Amino acid sequence: MAVPFRKVSKTRRNMRRTHYKINVNGLVKCPNCGAMIRPHRVCLECGFYKKEDRLNKNNEVVEEVVSKKEEKKTTKKKEEKKETKKEENK
């Protein structure tokens, strides 16, 4: 097993760790109400996302935004079920 030849100094260790920091999340203004929100999220102040109302009065999401990957997964599963049913019927 490899063993360090010399002790790493505090300065060198700290210089290496300068990049280990937490980044601040980017914020954008909501185009509807102007509140500061995270990008690509439903605004919790007015409930709008992509110019559509997505929240009801209880701040619950009315309809989920389905990603393209999830759509592909569901269509593949449906196709596989159809194929198995056809094979069983033959």
N, C-alpha and C. Protein backbone atom coordinates (compact mmCIF):
# COMPACT_ATOMS: atom_id res chain seq x y z
N MET A 1 0.83 -1.17 0.00
CA MET A 1 0.00 0.00 0.00
C MET A 1 0.88 1.24 0.00
N ALA A 2 0.50 2.25 -0.76
CA ALA A 2 1.30 3.47 -0.87
C ALA A 2 1.17 4.30 0.40
N VAL A 3 2.32 4.81 0.84
CA VAL A 3 2.36 5.63 2.05
C VAL A 3 3.01 6.95 1.68
N PRO A 4 2.46 8.09 2.13
CA PRO A 4 3.08 9.38 1.81
C PRO A 4 4.52 9.45 2.32
N PHE A 5 5.41 9.97 1.50
CA PHE A 5 6.82 10.09 1.88
C PHE A 5 7.03 11.16 2.92
N ARG A 6 6.27 12.28 2.80
CA ARG A 6 6.39 13.37 3.76
C ARG A 6 5.00 13.82 4.21
N LYS A 7 4.97 14.48 5.34
CA LYS A 7 3.73 15.05 5.86
C LYS A 7 3.28 16.21 4.97
N VAL A 8 1.99 16.28 4.69
CA VAL A 8 1.45 17.40 3.92
C VAL A 8 1.26 18.57 4.88
N SER A 9 1.85 19.70 4.52
CA SER A 9 1.78 20.86 5.41
C SER A 9 0.37 21.42 5.46
N LYS A 10 0.09 22.21 6.48
CA LYS A 10 -1.23 22.82 6.65
C LYS A 10 -1.55 23.74 5.48
N THR A 11 -0.54 24.47 5.01
CA THR A 11 -0.75 25.40 3.90
C THR A 11 -1.14 24.65 2.64
N ARG A 12 -0.38 23.60 2.32
CA ARG A 12 -0.67 22.84 1.10
C ARG A 12 -2.04 22.16 1.21
N ARG A 13 -2.36 21.62 2.38
CA ARG A 13 -3.66 20.99 2.59
C ARG A 13 -4.78 22.01 2.40
N ASN A 14 -4.63 23.20 2.99
CA ASN A 14 -5.66 24.22 2.89
C ASN A 14 -5.79 24.77 1.46
N MET A 15 -4.67 24.85 0.75
CA MET A 15 -4.73 25.32 -0.65
C MET A 15 -5.51 24.31 -1.50
N ARG A 16 -5.32 23.02 -1.21
CA ARG A 16 -6.06 22.00 -1.95
C ARG A 16 -7.56 22.08 -1.66
N ARG A 17 -7.91 22.42 -0.42
CA ARG A 17 -9.31 22.45 0.00
C ARG A 17 -10.04 23.75 -0.33
N THR A 18 -9.39 24.70 -1.00
CA THR A 18 -10.04 25.98 -1.28
C THR A 18 -11.27 25.81 -2.16
N HIS A 19 -11.32 24.76 -2.95
CA HIS A 19 -12.44 24.56 -3.86
C HIS A 19 -13.59 23.80 -3.22
N TYR A 20 -13.41 23.33 -1.98
CA TYR A 20 -14.46 22.59 -1.29
C TYR A 20 -15.36 23.59 -0.59
N LYS A 21 -16.26 24.19 -1.31
CA LYS A 21 -17.12 25.20 -0.71
C LYS A 21 -18.54 25.04 -1.25
N ILE A 22 -19.46 25.59 -0.54
CA ILE A 22 -20.86 25.52 -0.93
C ILE A 22 -21.18 26.68 -1.86
N ASN A 23 -21.82 26.38 -2.98
CA ASN A 23 -22.23 27.42 -3.91
C ASN A 23 -23.61 27.94 -3.56
N VAL A 24 -23.83 29.21 -3.77
CA VAL A 24 -25.13 29.81 -3.52
C VAL A 24 -26.05 29.45 -4.68
N ASN A 25 -27.28 29.05 -4.37
CA ASN A 25 -28.24 28.74 -5.42
C ASN A 25 -28.59 30.00 -6.19
N GLY A 26 -28.70 29.85 -7.51
CA GLY A 26 -29.08 30.98 -8.34
C GLY A 26 -30.56 31.27 -8.19
N LEU A 27 -30.92 32.53 -8.20
CA LEU A 27 -32.32 32.93 -8.10
C LEU A 27 -32.68 33.80 -9.30
N VAL A 28 -33.93 33.69 -9.74
CA VAL A 28 -34.45 34.51 -10.82
C VAL A 28 -35.77 35.12 -10.37
N LYS A 29 -36.20 36.17 -11.06
CA LYS A 29 -37.48 36.78 -10.73
C LYS A 29 -38.60 36.02 -11.42
N CYS A 30 -39.68 35.83 -10.70
CA CYS A 30 -40.88 35.22 -11.28
C CYS A 30 -41.44 36.20 -12.31
N PRO A 31 -41.71 35.74 -13.53
CA PRO A 31 -42.23 36.66 -14.55
C PRO A 31 -43.64 37.16 -14.24
N ASN A 32 -44.36 36.45 -13.37
CA ASN A 32 -45.75 36.84 -13.07
C ASN A 32 -45.81 37.85 -11.93
N CYS A 33 -45.16 37.53 -10.78
CA CYS A 33 -45.30 38.40 -9.61
C CYS A 33 -44.01 39.11 -9.23
N GLY A 34 -42.86 38.69 -9.76
CA GLY A 34 -41.60 39.34 -9.46
C GLY A 34 -40.89 38.82 -8.23
N ALA A 35 -41.40 37.78 -7.59
CA ALA A 35 -40.75 37.20 -6.42
C ALA A 35 -39.48 36.45 -6.85
N MET A 36 -38.50 36.37 -5.97
CA MET A 36 -37.27 35.66 -6.27
C MET A 36 -37.48 34.17 -6.01
N ILE A 37 -37.29 33.35 -7.06
CA ILE A 37 -37.50 31.90 -6.97
C ILE A 37 -36.31 31.19 -7.60
N ARG A 38 -36.18 29.89 -7.32
CA ARG A 38 -35.17 29.09 -7.99
C ARG A 38 -35.64 28.81 -9.42
N PRO A 39 -34.73 28.75 -10.38
CA PRO A 39 -35.14 28.54 -11.76
C PRO A 39 -35.80 27.18 -11.99
N HIS A 40 -36.75 27.15 -12.90
CA HIS A 40 -37.46 25.94 -13.31
C HIS A 40 -38.27 25.33 -12.16
N ARG A 41 -38.83 26.16 -11.30
CA ARG A 41 -39.66 25.71 -10.19
C ARG A 41 -40.97 26.50 -10.21
N VAL A 42 -41.99 25.95 -9.56
CA VAL A 42 -43.26 26.65 -9.41
C VAL A 42 -43.06 27.76 -8.39
N CYS A 43 -43.58 28.95 -8.68
CA CYS A 43 -43.48 30.07 -7.75
C CYS A 43 -44.44 29.82 -6.59
N LEU A 44 -43.94 29.87 -5.37
CA LEU A 44 -44.78 29.61 -4.21
C LEU A 44 -45.62 30.83 -3.83
N GLU A 45 -45.27 32.00 -4.35
CA GLU A 45 -46.04 33.21 -4.06
C GLU A 45 -47.33 33.25 -4.88
N CYS A 46 -47.19 33.06 -6.20
CA CYS A 46 -48.37 33.18 -7.07
C CYS A 46 -48.81 31.84 -7.66
N GLY A 47 -47.94 30.83 -7.64
CA GLY A 47 -48.32 29.50 -8.13
C GLY A 47 -48.19 29.32 -9.63
N PHE A 48 -47.44 30.19 -10.29
CA PHE A 48 -47.31 30.09 -11.74
C PHE A 48 -46.00 29.43 -12.12
N TYR A 49 -46.03 28.71 -13.24
CA TYR A 49 -44.83 28.13 -13.84
C TYR A 49 -45.06 28.08 -15.33
N LYS A 50 -44.18 28.66 -16.09
CA LYS A 50 -44.29 28.74 -17.55
C LYS A 50 -45.64 29.31 -17.98
N LYS A 51 -46.02 30.40 -17.36
CA LYS A 51 -47.23 31.17 -17.70
C LYS A 51 -48.52 30.38 -17.48
N GLU A 52 -48.48 29.36 -16.62
CA GLU A 52 -49.68 28.60 -16.30
C GLU A 52 -49.81 28.49 -14.80
N ASP A 53 -51.05 28.51 -14.30
CA ASP A 53 -51.29 28.39 -12.87
C ASP A 53 -51.16 26.92 -12.49
N ARG A 54 -50.22 26.61 -11.59
CA ARG A 54 -49.93 25.22 -11.23
C ARG A 54 -50.31 24.87 -9.81
N LEU A 55 -50.64 25.85 -8.95
CA LEU A 55 -50.97 25.56 -7.56
C LEU A 55 -52.42 25.94 -7.28
N ASN A 56 -53.05 25.17 -6.39
CA ASN A 56 -54.39 25.54 -5.95
C ASN A 56 -54.27 26.36 -4.67
N LYS A 57 -55.36 26.63 -3.99
CA LYS A 57 -55.35 27.50 -2.81
C LYS A 57 -54.54 26.93 -1.65
N ASN A 58 -54.40 25.61 -1.57
CA ASN A 58 -53.66 24.97 -0.48
C ASN A 58 -52.19 24.77 -0.81
N ASN A 59 -51.69 25.44 -1.87
CA ASN A 59 -50.30 25.32 -2.32
C ASN A 59 -49.93 23.88 -2.67
N GLU A 60 -50.86 23.14 -3.26
CA GLU A 60 -50.60 21.79 -3.73
C GLU A 60 -50.52 21.83 -5.25
N VAL A 61 -49.61 21.06 -5.81
CA VAL A 61 -49.42 21.06 -7.25
C VAL A 61 -50.64 20.43 -7.91
N VAL A 62 -51.22 21.15 -8.89
CA VAL A 62 -52.42 20.68 -9.57
C VAL A 62 -52.08 19.52 -10.49
N GLU A 63 -51.09 19.69 -11.34
CA GLU A 63 -50.68 18.61 -12.22
C GLU A 63 -49.16 18.58 -12.28
N GLU A 64 -48.62 17.37 -12.26
CA GLU A 64 -47.18 17.20 -12.25
C GLU A 64 -46.63 17.42 -13.65
N VAL A 65 -45.47 18.04 -13.71
CA VAL A 65 -44.79 18.19 -14.98
C VAL A 65 -43.97 16.93 -15.19
N VAL A 66 -44.34 16.16 -16.21
CA VAL A 66 -43.70 14.87 -16.45
C VAL A 66 -42.50 15.08 -17.36
N SER A 67 -41.37 14.58 -16.94
CA SER A 67 -40.17 14.74 -17.75
C SER A 67 -40.22 13.78 -18.94
N LYS A 68 -39.39 14.06 -19.92
CA LYS A 68 -39.36 13.23 -21.12
C LYS A 68 -38.88 11.82 -20.81
N LYS A 69 -37.95 11.70 -19.86
CA LYS A 69 -37.45 10.37 -19.51
C LYS A 69 -38.56 9.52 -18.91
N GLU A 70 -39.39 10.11 -18.05
CA GLU A 70 -40.48 9.36 -17.45
C GLU A 70 -41.49 8.93 -18.51
N GLU A 71 -41.74 9.80 -19.49
CA GLU A 71 -42.67 9.44 -20.55
C GLU A 71 -42.15 8.26 -21.35
N LYS A 72 -40.84 8.26 -21.64
CA LYS A 72 -40.25 7.16 -22.39
C LYS A 72 -40.36 5.85 -21.62
N LYS A 73 -40.13 5.92 -20.30
CA LYS A 73 -40.21 4.72 -19.49
C LYS A 73 -41.62 4.14 -19.50
N THR A 74 -42.63 5.01 -19.34
CA THR A 74 -44.00 4.51 -19.30
C THR A 74 -44.43 3.96 -20.65
N THR A 75 -44.01 4.59 -21.76
CA THR A 75 -44.39 4.07 -23.07
C THR A 75 -43.71 2.74 -23.34
N LYS A 76 -42.45 2.57 -22.90
CA LYS A 76 -41.77 1.30 -23.10
C LYS A 76 -42.47 0.19 -22.33
N LYS A 77 -42.88 0.48 -21.10
CA LYS A 77 -43.56 -0.52 -20.29
C LYS A 77 -44.88 -0.93 -20.93
N LYS A 78 -45.61 0.06 -21.46
CA LYS A 78 -46.89 -0.23 -22.11
C LYS A 78 -46.69 -1.11 -23.34
N GLU A 79 -45.64 -0.80 -24.12
CA GLU A 79 -45.36 -1.59 -25.31
C GLU A 79 -44.99 -3.03 -24.93
N GLU A 80 -44.21 -3.19 -23.88
CA GLU A 80 -43.82 -4.53 -23.45
C GLU A 80 -45.03 -5.33 -22.99
N LYS A 81 -45.95 -4.69 -22.29
CA LYS A 81 -47.16 -5.38 -21.85
C LYS A 81 -48.00 -5.82 -23.04
N LYS A 82 -48.11 -4.96 -24.05
CA LYS A 82 -48.89 -5.29 -25.24
C LYS A 82 -48.28 -6.49 -25.95
N GLU A 83 -46.94 -6.51 -26.05
CA GLU A 83 -46.26 -7.62 -26.73
C GLU A 83 -46.47 -8.93 -25.99
N THR A 84 -46.40 -8.90 -24.67
CA THR A 84 -46.59 -10.14 -23.90
C THR A 84 -48.02 -10.64 -24.03
N LYS A 85 -48.99 -9.73 -24.05
CA LYS A 85 -50.38 -10.13 -24.22
C LYS A 85 -50.61 -10.77 -25.58
N LYS A 86 -49.99 -10.20 -26.63
CA LYS A 86 -50.14 -10.76 -27.97
C LYS A 86 -49.55 -12.17 -28.03
N GLU A 87 -48.40 -12.35 -27.38
CA GLU A 87 -47.74 -13.66 -27.39
C GLU A 87 -48.60 -14.69 -26.62
N GLU A 88 -49.23 -14.27 -25.53
CA GLU A 88 -50.07 -15.18 -24.75
C GLU A 88 -51.32 -15.58 -25.51
N ASN A 89 -51.86 -14.67 -26.28
CA ASN A 89 -53.09 -14.95 -27.03
C ASN A 89 -52.84 -15.89 -28.20
N LYS A 90 -51.63 -15.94 -28.71
CA LYS A 90 -51.32 -16.81 -29.88
C LYS A 90 -51.19 -18.21 -29.48
